[in-house]
Amino acid sequence: VLNVAIYGDSNGDGKISSADLLKTQKAILGLIQFESEVYSEAADYTRDGKVNSRDLLACQKKILGLA
């Protein structure tokens, strides 16, 4: 099985949406943990090795068509 990370798609449904933002936000706040490293890597939208508010902002811009 080959796992592919789509940057921004932290829930693995193949789309970047508000559901991904919510999941990433919960992970940043420590309310949940990602099921696998692939989802954690996907949540790192800015690809700087950390999942943080910068990733949320960049993903929001993508969803709104601003990036």
N, C-alpha and C. Protein backbone atom coordinates (compact mmCIF):
# COMPACT_ATOMS: atom_id res chain seq x y z
N VAL A 1 0.85 -1.18 0.00
CA VAL A 1 0.00 0.00 0.00
C VAL A 1 0.89 1.23 0.00
N LEU A 2 0.58 2.14 -0.88
CA LEU A 2 1.33 3.40 -1.00
C LEU A 2 0.47 4.53 -0.44
N ASN A 3 0.97 5.23 0.55
CA ASN A 3 0.27 6.38 1.11
C ASN A 3 0.85 7.65 0.53
N VAL A 4 -0.02 8.52 0.02
CA VAL A 4 0.40 9.76 -0.59
C VAL A 4 -0.21 10.92 0.20
N ALA A 5 0.61 11.88 0.57
CA ALA A 5 0.12 13.05 1.30
C ALA A 5 -0.24 14.15 0.32
N ILE A 6 -1.46 14.64 0.40
CA ILE A 6 -1.88 15.82 -0.33
C ILE A 6 -1.83 16.95 0.70
N TYR A 7 -0.90 17.88 0.51
CA TYR A 7 -0.71 18.93 1.51
C TYR A 7 -2.01 19.71 1.70
N GLY A 8 -2.45 19.77 2.95
CA GLY A 8 -3.70 20.42 3.32
C GLY A 8 -4.82 19.43 3.61
N ASP A 9 -4.72 18.22 3.07
CA ASP A 9 -5.76 17.20 3.26
C ASP A 9 -5.44 16.34 4.48
N SER A 10 -5.68 16.88 5.66
CA SER A 10 -5.29 16.19 6.88
C SER A 10 -6.25 15.08 7.31
N ASN A 11 -7.40 14.96 6.62
CA ASN A 11 -8.30 13.86 6.96
C ASN A 11 -8.30 12.75 5.92
N GLY A 12 -7.54 12.91 4.85
CA GLY A 12 -7.34 11.84 3.89
C GLY A 12 -8.50 11.55 2.96
N ASP A 13 -9.41 12.50 2.77
CA ASP A 13 -10.54 12.25 1.87
C ASP A 13 -10.29 12.68 0.43
N GLY A 14 -9.09 13.18 0.16
CA GLY A 14 -8.74 13.57 -1.21
C GLY A 14 -9.11 14.99 -1.58
N LYS A 15 -9.68 15.74 -0.64
CA LYS A 15 -10.08 17.13 -0.88
C LYS A 15 -9.51 18.00 0.23
N ILE A 16 -9.30 19.26 -0.09
CA ILE A 16 -8.90 20.23 0.93
C ILE A 16 -10.13 21.05 1.25
N SER A 17 -10.60 20.96 2.50
CA SER A 17 -11.85 21.62 2.88
C SER A 17 -11.78 22.10 4.33
N SER A 18 -12.89 22.68 4.77
CA SER A 18 -12.97 23.16 6.15
C SER A 18 -12.84 22.01 7.15
N ALA A 19 -13.19 20.80 6.75
CA ALA A 19 -13.03 19.64 7.64
C ALA A 19 -11.55 19.42 7.95
N ASP A 20 -10.69 19.68 6.98
CA ASP A 20 -9.24 19.55 7.20
C ASP A 20 -8.75 20.64 8.16
N LEU A 21 -9.27 21.85 8.00
CA LEU A 21 -8.90 22.93 8.91
C LEU A 21 -9.27 22.59 10.34
N LEU A 22 -10.48 22.06 10.53
CA LEU A 22 -10.95 21.71 11.87
C LEU A 22 -10.07 20.62 12.48
N LYS A 23 -9.76 19.60 11.71
CA LYS A 23 -8.93 18.51 12.22
C LYS A 23 -7.53 19.01 12.58
N THR A 24 -6.96 19.83 11.74
CA THR A 24 -5.62 20.37 12.00
C THR A 24 -5.64 21.27 13.23
N GLN A 25 -6.68 22.09 13.36
CA GLN A 25 -6.79 22.96 14.52
C GLN A 25 -6.88 22.14 15.81
N LYS A 26 -7.67 21.08 15.79
CA LYS A 26 -7.79 20.21 16.97
C LYS A 26 -6.45 19.56 17.32
N ALA A 27 -5.69 19.19 16.30
CA ALA A 27 -4.38 18.59 16.54
C ALA A 27 -3.42 19.61 17.14
N ILE A 28 -3.45 20.84 16.65
CA ILE A 28 -2.59 21.89 17.19
C ILE A 28 -2.92 22.14 18.65
N LEU A 29 -4.20 22.10 19.00
CA LEU A 29 -4.64 22.35 20.37
C LEU A 29 -4.44 21.14 21.28
N GLY A 30 -4.03 20.01 20.69
CA GLY A 30 -3.79 18.82 21.48
C GLY A 30 -5.04 18.02 21.82
N LEU A 31 -6.13 18.31 21.12
CA LEU A 31 -7.39 17.61 21.38
C LEU A 31 -7.45 16.25 20.70
N ILE A 32 -6.71 16.10 19.60
CA ILE A 32 -6.63 14.83 18.88
C ILE A 32 -5.20 14.60 18.44
N GLN A 33 -4.93 13.39 18.00
CA GLN A 33 -3.66 13.07 17.35
C GLN A 33 -3.98 12.53 15.96
N PHE A 34 -3.12 12.81 15.02
CA PHE A 34 -3.31 12.27 13.68
C PHE A 34 -3.16 10.76 13.71
N GLU A 35 -3.95 10.08 12.91
CA GLU A 35 -3.96 8.62 12.88
C GLU A 35 -2.64 8.03 12.38
N SER A 36 -1.96 8.78 11.51
CA SER A 36 -0.69 8.31 10.98
C SER A 36 0.19 9.49 10.61
N GLU A 37 1.44 9.18 10.33
CA GLU A 37 2.41 10.20 9.93
C GLU A 37 2.01 10.86 8.61
N VAL A 38 1.31 10.13 7.77
CA VAL A 38 0.87 10.69 6.47
C VAL A 38 -0.07 11.87 6.69
N TYR A 39 -1.02 11.74 7.63
CA TYR A 39 -1.95 12.83 7.91
C TYR A 39 -1.24 14.01 8.56
N SER A 40 -0.30 13.72 9.42
CA SER A 40 0.48 14.78 10.05
C SER A 40 1.30 15.53 9.00
N GLU A 41 1.90 14.79 8.09
CA GLU A 41 2.67 15.42 7.01
C GLU A 41 1.76 16.26 6.12
N ALA A 42 0.58 15.76 5.83
CA ALA A 42 -0.37 16.49 5.00
C ALA A 42 -0.82 17.78 5.68
N ALA A 43 -0.95 17.76 7.01
CA ALA A 43 -1.37 18.95 7.75
C ALA A 43 -0.29 20.03 7.74
N ASP A 44 0.95 19.66 7.50
CA ASP A 44 2.06 20.63 7.43
C ASP A 44 2.05 21.29 6.06
N TYR A 45 1.05 22.10 5.81
CA TYR A 45 0.81 22.71 4.50
C TYR A 45 1.99 23.56 4.04
N THR A 46 2.67 24.22 4.96
CA THR A 46 3.81 25.07 4.60
C THR A 46 5.11 24.28 4.46
N ARG A 47 5.07 23.00 4.80
CA ARG A 47 6.22 22.09 4.67
C ARG A 47 7.47 22.57 5.41
N ASP A 48 7.25 23.10 6.60
CA ASP A 48 8.39 23.55 7.40
C ASP A 48 8.73 22.60 8.54
N GLY A 49 8.08 21.45 8.57
CA GLY A 49 8.38 20.45 9.59
C GLY A 49 7.57 20.59 10.87
N LYS A 50 6.67 21.58 10.91
CA LYS A 50 5.83 21.81 12.09
C LYS A 50 4.39 22.01 11.64
N VAL A 51 3.44 21.55 12.45
CA VAL A 51 2.03 21.82 12.19
C VAL A 51 1.63 22.91 13.17
N ASN A 52 1.29 24.09 12.62
CA ASN A 52 0.96 25.23 13.46
C ASN A 52 -0.03 26.16 12.75
N SER A 53 -0.25 27.32 13.33
CA SER A 53 -1.24 28.26 12.79
C SER A 53 -0.89 28.75 11.39
N ARG A 54 0.38 28.75 11.04
CA ARG A 54 0.78 29.15 9.68
C ARG A 54 0.20 28.17 8.66
N ASP A 55 0.14 26.90 9.03
CA ASP A 55 -0.44 25.90 8.14
C ASP A 55 -1.94 26.13 7.97
N LEU A 56 -2.60 26.47 9.07
CA LEU A 56 -4.04 26.76 9.01
C LEU A 56 -4.31 27.95 8.08
N LEU A 57 -3.54 29.01 8.25
CA LEU A 57 -3.73 30.21 7.43
C LEU A 57 -3.49 29.92 5.95
N ALA A 58 -2.42 29.21 5.64
CA ALA A 58 -2.11 28.89 4.25
C ALA A 58 -3.20 28.01 3.64
N CYS A 59 -3.71 27.07 4.41
CA CYS A 59 -4.76 26.18 3.92
C CYS A 59 -6.07 26.97 3.71
N GLN A 60 -6.38 27.87 4.62
CA GLN A 60 -7.56 28.72 4.47
C GLN A 60 -7.48 29.53 3.18
N LYS A 61 -6.33 30.09 2.92
CA LYS A 61 -6.14 30.87 1.70
C LYS A 61 -6.35 30.02 0.47
N LYS A 62 -5.87 28.79 0.50
CA LYS A 62 -6.06 27.85 -0.62
C LYS A 62 -7.54 27.59 -0.83
N ILE A 63 -8.26 27.30 0.24
CA ILE A 63 -9.70 27.01 0.13
C ILE A 63 -10.46 28.22 -0.43
N LEU A 64 -10.08 29.42 -0.01
CA LEU A 64 -10.75 30.64 -0.46
C LEU A 64 -10.27 31.12 -1.82
N GLY A 65 -9.29 30.45 -2.39
CA GLY A 65 -8.78 30.84 -3.70
C GLY A 65 -7.87 32.04 -3.65
N LEU A 66 -7.28 32.31 -2.50
CA LEU A 66 -6.41 33.46 -2.34
C LEU A 66 -4.94 33.11 -2.47
N ALA A 67 -4.64 31.83 -2.64
CA ALA A 67 -3.25 31.39 -2.73
C ALA A 67 -3.02 30.64 -4.01
